[in-house]
Protein backbone atom coordinates (compact mmCIF):
# COMPACT_ATOMS: atom_id res chain seq x y z
CA MET A 1 0.08 0.08 -0.01
CA THR A 2 1.14 3.51 -0.98
CA SER A 3 2.62 5.59 2.07
CA LEU A 4 0.55 8.64 3.26
CA ARG A 5 3.90 10.59 3.38
CA PRO A 6 3.88 13.56 1.31
CA SER A 7 5.47 13.15 -2.21
CA PRO A 8 9.12 15.06 -2.27
CA ILE A 9 8.23 16.26 -5.76
CA ALA A 10 7.20 19.89 -6.23
CA ALA A 11 5.42 21.20 -9.51
CA THR A 12 6.49 24.68 -10.56
CA VAL A 13 3.10 24.92 -12.21
CA GLU A 14 -0.41 25.67 -10.95
CA PHE A 15 -2.69 22.87 -12.00
CA GLU A 16 -5.88 25.24 -11.16
CA ALA A 17 -4.75 28.12 -13.10
CA ASP A 18 -6.08 29.04 -16.45
CA GLY A 19 -3.55 29.63 -19.42
CA VAL A 20 -0.55 28.04 -20.76
CA GLN A 21 2.16 27.02 -18.09
CA HIS A 22 5.68 25.41 -18.80
CA GLY A 23 7.52 24.14 -15.82
CA HIS A 24 9.10 21.07 -14.29
CA LEU A 25 8.38 18.60 -11.54
CA ARG A 26 11.30 18.86 -9.33
CA LEU A 27 12.45 15.80 -7.48
CA PRO A 28 15.48 16.19 -5.05
CA TRP A 29 18.36 13.87 -5.78
CA SER A 30 21.39 14.40 -3.90
CA ARG A 31 24.41 12.90 -5.73
CA ASP A 32 28.19 13.17 -5.86
CA ASP A 33 28.32 16.00 -8.38
CA SER A 34 25.24 17.81 -6.95
CA ALA A 35 24.66 17.78 -3.35
CA TRP A 36 21.42 19.47 -3.17
CA GLY A 37 20.60 18.39 -6.95
CA SER A 38 17.29 17.64 -8.42
CA VAL A 39 15.68 15.82 -11.24
CA MET A 40 13.76 18.40 -13.35
CA ILE A 41 10.94 16.52 -15.31
CA PRO A 42 9.33 18.90 -17.96
CA ILE A 43 5.56 19.41 -17.70
CA SER A 44 3.11 21.70 -19.34
CA VAL A 45 -0.21 22.42 -18.15
CA VAL A 46 -2.94 24.06 -20.68
CA LYS A 47 -6.19 25.01 -18.96
CA CYS A 48 -9.25 27.04 -19.85
CA GLY A 49 -12.57 27.13 -17.77
CA GLU A 50 -14.22 23.85 -16.60
CA GLY A 51 -14.05 20.58 -18.56
CA PRO A 52 -12.45 17.18 -18.39
CA THR A 53 -8.70 16.64 -17.89
CA ALA A 54 -6.41 14.64 -20.01
CA LEU A 55 -3.11 13.42 -18.91
CA LEU A 56 -0.71 12.76 -21.64
CA THR A 57 2.55 10.95 -21.06
CA GLY A 58 5.55 9.71 -22.96
CA ALA A 59 8.82 8.03 -22.05
CA ASN A 60 7.39 5.84 -19.40
CA HIS A 61 10.31 3.80 -21.01
CA GLY A 62 13.23 6.03 -21.97
CA ASP A 63 14.01 4.55 -25.26
CA GLU A 64 10.45 5.06 -26.99
CA TYR A 65 10.34 8.35 -28.98
CA GLU A 66 6.71 8.80 -30.67
CA GLY A 67 5.23 10.12 -27.39
CA PRO A 68 7.90 12.63 -26.60
CA ILE A 69 7.96 13.94 -30.18
CA ALA A 70 4.43 14.46 -30.27
CA LEU A 71 4.01 15.62 -26.63
CA PHE A 72 6.86 18.31 -27.04
CA ASP A 73 5.28 19.36 -30.18
CA LEU A 74 1.84 19.62 -28.61
CA ALA A 75 3.30 21.47 -25.62
CA ARG A 76 4.56 24.39 -27.81
CA THR A 77 1.61 24.51 -29.99
CA LEU A 78 -1.56 24.22 -28.02
CA ARG A 79 -3.26 27.39 -27.04
CA ALA A 80 -5.59 27.78 -23.95
CA GLU A 81 -8.12 29.13 -25.97
CA ASP A 82 -8.65 26.11 -27.85
CA VAL A 83 -9.19 24.01 -24.75
CA SER A 84 -12.42 23.21 -22.73
CA GLY A 85 -10.87 21.79 -19.69
CA ARG A 86 -7.41 20.95 -18.86
CA VAL A 87 -4.47 19.11 -20.65
CA ILE A 88 -1.40 17.95 -18.58
CA ILE A 89 1.40 17.17 -20.71
CA VAL A 90 4.49 15.22 -19.56
CA PRO A 91 6.70 14.23 -22.60
CA ALA A 92 9.04 12.25 -20.66
CA MET A 93 7.89 10.34 -17.37
CA ASN A 94 11.04 8.56 -16.61
CA TYR A 95 13.22 11.67 -17.35
CA PRO A 96 16.49 10.22 -16.33
CA ALA A 97 15.94 7.21 -18.66
CA PHE A 98 14.96 9.48 -21.36
CA ARG A 99 17.95 11.57 -21.15
CA ALA A 100 20.10 8.40 -21.22
CA ALA A 101 18.35 6.69 -23.99
CA MET A 102 17.78 3.70 -22.03
CA ARG A 103 14.49 1.65 -20.97
CA THR A 104 15.19 1.80 -17.46
CA SER A 105 16.79 4.63 -15.20
CA PRO A 106 20.50 4.95 -15.03
CA ILE A 107 19.94 6.17 -11.38
CA ASP A 108 18.42 3.16 -9.76
CA LYS A 109 17.77 0.72 -12.85
CA GLY A 110 13.97 1.28 -12.11
CA ASN A 111 11.54 0.17 -14.82
CA LEU A 112 9.21 3.02 -14.34
CA ASN A 113 6.22 0.81 -15.72
CA ARG A 114 6.77 -1.81 -13.29
CA SER A 115 7.19 0.64 -10.37
CA PHE A 116 3.51 1.73 -9.70
CA PRO A 117 1.67 2.77 -7.51
CA GLY A 118 5.26 3.74 -6.38
CA ARG A 119 6.47 5.11 -2.84
CA PRO A 120 7.39 8.66 -1.70
CA ASP A 121 10.08 7.39 0.42
CA GLY A 122 11.38 4.90 -2.09
CA THR A 123 14.06 4.94 -5.23
CA VAL A 124 13.83 7.99 -7.68
CA THR A 125 11.69 5.91 -9.96
CA GLU A 126 9.30 4.92 -7.14
CA LYS A 127 9.10 8.47 -6.19
CA ILE A 128 7.94 9.66 -9.71
CA ALA A 129 5.58 6.72 -9.83
CA ASP A 130 3.95 7.74 -6.54
CA TYR A 131 3.57 11.41 -7.76
CA PHE A 132 1.64 10.23 -10.69
CA THR A 133 -0.18 7.74 -8.84
CA ARG A 134 -1.35 10.08 -5.88
CA THR A 135 -1.29 13.65 -7.66
CA LEU A 136 -1.82 13.50 -11.46
CA LEU A 137 -4.02 10.64 -11.71
CA PRO A 138 -6.70 12.18 -9.32
CA LEU A 139 -6.76 15.07 -11.58
CA SER A 140 -7.38 13.09 -14.59
CA ASP A 141 -10.54 11.82 -16.56
CA VAL A 142 -8.50 10.43 -19.70
CA VAL A 143 -5.04 9.05 -19.78
CA LEU A 144 -3.05 8.54 -22.86
CA ASP A 145 0.24 6.79 -22.16
CA PHE A 146 2.32 6.36 -25.37
CA HIS A 147 4.69 3.48 -25.80
CA SER A 148 6.60 1.76 -28.52
CA GLY A 149 9.14 -1.02 -28.73
CA GLY A 150 12.22 0.64 -27.77
CA LYS A 151 15.66 -0.80 -28.64
CA THR A 152 14.52 -4.57 -28.65
CA LEU A 153 10.97 -4.67 -30.07
CA ASP A 154 9.07 -3.63 -33.22
CA PHE A 155 5.51 -3.25 -33.37
CA LEU A 156 2.51 -2.96 -35.92
CA PRO A 157 1.51 0.67 -35.03
CA TYR A 158 -1.50 0.40 -32.77
CA ALA A 159 -3.39 2.07 -29.72
CA ALA A 160 -4.65 -0.41 -27.10
CA ALA A 161 -6.82 -0.86 -24.36
CA HIS A 162 -7.30 -3.82 -21.97
CA GLU A 163 -10.37 -6.10 -21.16
CA LEU A 164 -11.62 -4.96 -17.62
CA PRO A 165 -14.23 -6.33 -15.10
CA ASP A 166 -15.98 -3.19 -15.40
CA LYS A 167 -17.61 -3.51 -18.89
CA ALA A 168 -18.78 0.08 -18.76
CA GLN A 169 -15.45 1.37 -18.37
CA GLU A 170 -14.02 -1.02 -20.79
CA LYS A 171 -16.20 0.24 -23.55
CA ARG A 172 -15.28 3.90 -22.57
CA CYS A 173 -11.55 2.79 -22.90
CA PHE A 174 -12.28 1.10 -26.41
CA ASP A 175 -14.09 3.94 -27.75
CA ALA A 176 -11.24 6.15 -26.91
CA VAL A 177 -8.72 3.70 -28.57
CA ALA A 178 -11.19 3.83 -31.84
CA ALA A 179 -11.10 7.75 -31.81
CA PHE A 180 -7.18 7.76 -31.64
CA SER A 181 -7.67 5.73 -34.84
CA ALA A 182 -4.05 4.24 -35.32
CA PRO A 183 -3.69 1.99 -38.37
CA TRP A 184 -4.23 -0.85 -35.88
CA SER A 185 -6.29 -1.14 -32.51
CA MET A 186 -5.70 -3.91 -29.81
CA LYS A 187 -7.70 -5.71 -27.43
CA MET A 188 -4.39 -6.03 -25.07
CA ILE A 189 -3.40 -8.74 -22.50
CA GLU A 190 -0.27 -8.28 -20.51
CA ILE A 191 2.51 -10.81 -19.58
CA ASP A 192 2.42 -9.49 -16.00
CA ALA A 193 0.20 -6.23 -15.10
CA VAL A 194 1.59 -5.85 -11.73
CA GLY A 195 3.41 -2.47 -11.13
CA MET A 196 2.28 -1.12 -14.61
CA PHE A 197 0.86 2.59 -14.84
CA ASP A 198 -2.02 1.03 -16.96
CA THR A 199 -2.98 -1.01 -13.85
CA VAL A 200 -3.31 1.70 -11.33
CA THR A 201 -4.96 4.05 -13.89
CA GLU A 202 -7.59 1.52 -14.76
CA MET A 203 -7.93 0.53 -10.99
CA ALA A 204 -8.77 4.35 -10.44
CA GLY A 205 -11.69 4.03 -12.94
CA LYS A 206 -10.08 6.30 -15.78
CA VAL A 207 -10.26 5.96 -19.28
CA PHE A 208 -6.92 4.82 -20.40
CA VAL A 209 -5.35 4.42 -23.66
CA THR A 210 -1.94 3.01 -24.48
CA THR A 211 0.04 2.66 -27.72
CA GLU A 212 2.88 0.66 -29.45
CA LEU A 213 3.64 2.74 -32.55
CA GLY A 214 6.98 1.36 -33.97
CA GLY A 215 10.22 0.42 -32.29
CA GLY A 216 13.95 -0.24 -32.83
CA GLY A 217 14.90 2.67 -30.55
CA THR A 218 13.73 5.46 -32.97
CA ALA A 219 10.70 7.08 -34.50
CA THR A 220 9.67 7.48 -38.27
CA ALA A 221 7.82 10.13 -39.92
CA ARG A 222 4.96 8.04 -40.21
CA SER A 223 5.03 6.82 -36.34
CA ALA A 224 5.38 10.25 -35.10
CA SER A 225 2.57 11.66 -37.37
CA ILE A 226 0.28 8.79 -35.96
CA ALA A 227 0.72 9.98 -32.41
CA LYS A 228 0.14 13.67 -33.27
CA ARG A 229 -3.02 12.77 -35.36
CA GLY A 230 -4.27 10.42 -32.56
CA ILE A 231 -3.73 13.13 -29.74
CA ALA A 232 -5.80 15.54 -31.59
CA SER A 233 -8.58 13.00 -32.40
CA LEU A 234 -8.65 11.71 -28.78
CA LEU A 235 -8.78 15.16 -27.24
CA ARG A 236 -11.68 16.00 -29.72
CA HIS A 237 -13.41 12.79 -28.36
CA ALA A 238 -12.81 13.72 -24.84
CA GLY A 239 -14.74 16.99 -25.42
CA ILE A 240 -11.34 18.94 -24.74
CA LEU A 241 -10.82 20.19 -28.12
CA ALA A 242 -13.68 21.38 -30.53
CA GLY A 243 -15.02 19.50 -33.34
CA LYS A 244 -15.68 16.02 -33.65
CA PRO A 245 -12.95 13.35 -33.83
CA MET A 246 -12.06 12.33 -37.45
CA PRO A 247 -11.20 8.65 -37.33
CA GLY A 248 -9.44 7.02 -40.15
CA PRO A 249 -9.39 3.40 -40.77
CA THR A 250 -8.21 1.06 -38.19
CA ARG A 251 -8.10 -2.74 -38.33
CA TRP A 252 -8.94 -4.30 -34.57
CA LEU A 253 -6.48 -7.04 -33.28
CA ASP A 254 -7.21 -9.31 -30.10
CA MET A 255 -4.56 -11.07 -28.28
CA PRO A 256 -6.78 -13.89 -26.90
CA SER A 257 -4.44 -15.88 -24.64
CA ALA A 258 -1.02 -16.27 -23.61
CA ASP A 259 -0.30 -18.42 -26.57
CA CYS A 260 0.00 -15.16 -28.60
CA PHE A 261 3.46 -14.84 -26.87
CA GLY A 262 6.58 -16.61 -28.17
CA PHE A 263 9.81 -16.57 -26.31
CA SER A 264 13.22 -17.73 -27.55
CA GLN A 265 14.55 -20.95 -25.87
CA GLU A 266 17.87 -20.46 -27.65
CA GLU A 267 20.68 -18.05 -28.32
CA GLY A 268 21.95 -16.99 -31.62
CA LEU A 269 21.25 -15.12 -34.87
CA VAL A 270 17.59 -14.56 -35.70
CA GLU A 271 16.15 -14.81 -39.21
CA PHE A 272 12.33 -13.97 -39.40
CA LEU A 273 10.65 -15.80 -42.16
CA LYS A 274 7.53 -13.26 -41.72
CA ASP A 275 7.46 -9.54 -41.47
CA LEU A 276 5.10 -7.46 -39.40
CA GLY A 277 1.59 -7.95 -40.61
CA ASP A 278 2.10 -11.08 -42.38
CA PRO A 279 -0.55 -13.75 -41.74
CA VAL A 280 0.77 -16.77 -39.74
CA GLY A 281 -0.83 -20.14 -39.48
CA GLU A 282 -0.74 -22.45 -36.51
CA GLY A 283 2.47 -24.49 -36.41
CA GLU A 284 4.21 -22.30 -39.32
CA VAL A 285 7.74 -21.27 -38.78
CA VAL A 286 7.94 -17.57 -37.84
CA ALA A 287 11.84 -17.38 -37.12
CA ARG A 288 15.04 -19.42 -37.29
CA ILE A 289 17.63 -19.00 -34.68
CA TYR A 290 21.18 -19.95 -36.13
CA PRO A 291 23.83 -21.11 -33.56
CA ILE A 292 26.63 -18.78 -33.86
CA GLY A 293 29.41 -20.84 -32.20
CA ARG A 294 30.28 -22.88 -35.15
CA THR A 295 28.93 -23.51 -38.85
CA GLY A 296 26.87 -26.58 -40.01
CA THR A 297 24.57 -26.60 -37.33
CA ALA A 298 20.90 -26.68 -38.09
CA PRO A 299 18.96 -23.73 -36.70
CA PHE A 300 16.00 -23.85 -34.01
CA GLU A 301 12.68 -23.05 -35.51
CA HIS A 302 10.24 -20.89 -33.79
CA ARG A 303 6.68 -21.82 -34.64
CA ALA A 304 3.29 -19.93 -34.09
CA ALA A 305 1.25 -21.61 -31.46
CA LEU A 306 -2.07 -20.09 -32.99
CA ASP A 307 -3.39 -18.89 -36.38
CA GLY A 308 -3.14 -14.79 -36.72
CA LEU A 309 -0.77 -12.34 -38.06
CA LEU A 310 2.85 -11.06 -36.82
CA ALA A 311 2.10 -8.16 -34.57
CA VAL A 312 5.33 -7.69 -32.80
CA ARG A 313 8.92 -8.83 -33.44
CA HIS A 314 12.37 -9.05 -31.82
CA PHE A 315 14.34 -6.12 -33.11
CA PRO A 316 18.04 -6.90 -32.72
CA GLY A 317 19.80 -9.20 -34.93
CA LEU A 318 20.86 -11.56 -32.11
CA VAL A 319 18.59 -13.12 -29.50
CA LYS A 320 19.04 -14.59 -25.87
CA PRO A 321 17.07 -17.41 -24.35
CA GLY A 322 13.86 -15.88 -22.59
CA ASP A 323 13.83 -12.83 -25.15
CA CYS A 324 10.26 -12.12 -26.47
CA LEU A 325 10.73 -13.35 -30.05
CA ALA A 326 7.40 -12.81 -31.59
CA VAL A 327 3.86 -11.90 -30.83
CA ILE A 328 0.93 -13.25 -32.98
CA ALA A 329 -2.54 -11.48 -32.92
CA THR A 330 -5.71 -12.43 -34.42
CA GLU A 331 -7.77 -9.87 -36.62
CA VAL A 332 -11.42 -9.13 -35.24
CA ALA A 333 -14.27 -7.25 -36.33
CA GLY A 334 -13.98 -5.02 -33.32
CA PRO A 335 -14.01 -4.63 -29.50
C-alpha cells in the first residue's frame, strides 16, 4: 500500500490556473556532482475553464520516442483558447531514462512501468510513480500513455486498451482507442500487469489508452504523425478540443491468450520468415535461430502457437533465451 507521506516532488506549475504554463516536476536527488541537486521533469499545463482533464505521457520507458516527439510538439503549439478543460502534458515521465536513451533509469535501474503505485520514500523511480499515482491521476479523466518497442522490439503501429471487469469502463476505453484511430487497434493482454501505470490508472476508474507505435529505438515520420494525429482526435473525443474526432480506418486485433507470446529458447542469430502484418498459421515457422558458435548446425525453428498475424517481433539481430521473439495477434471485427 502506498505510504501517506507527502511526495517529495514539487511542481512549478499551478494545476488550477487558466492559461498555458511550462515548468517542471522537481524531484530532489542528492548525488556526487550535486549535493542538493534535483531531477527536473518537464511538464506543461494548458487550461481554460471547466471541463475534463487529459493526462498525456511519454517516455514511461526512456528509449521510446513517438510520445515525446508528439508531446513536446503539442506543448509548444496548444493554446488555452482552444481547450475546454485541461491538458496535462509530461513528454518524458522517466526523465532520467529518457536523457540516457535507456529503457530503465540510469540512477536506480528502475523500470517505471513496473514500479506503480510507487513510494514517496523509495527510489527515484518509485517517487516518480508515486507522484503520478497520488497527484496527477486524481486530477485526470482520460489518460494516454505512449509506448513503442524501444531498442529491442518492433510493433505494428497500434493503440490499445485492456479487457476490464467493469464493462462500462472497458467500453469507454475502447471507444477512446477507436477515436485515437491508429492503423491498428488492439484488445491487449499483458504478460504481467503488476506495477504498471496501466493497472493503477484502470483501478482508479479512468479512461486509459496506450500505444505501441513502432520500435527499434527510433521514430519514423509515419509513426510520429500517427501519434500527433491520434492526440488531436482523442482530445476531440473527450470534448477538450472543439470538433468531432475524425477517425481514419483502423483494423482491430485481439490477443486472446498467452499463446500469443513466443519466447526464444535459444541464443543465436535470428532470421524472421515473416514481416510485421504477415499472416501466420498455427505451427508455421515464424523465425529461425542460428547457433553462432560453429557452422553446419541446424537452426532452431520457432513456430506459431495459433493462427493470426505477426504483430510484434524481436528487433536486434541477435537473440537470447527468454527474449520475447514474436507476438501473434488475431484480427477481429471490433472490441
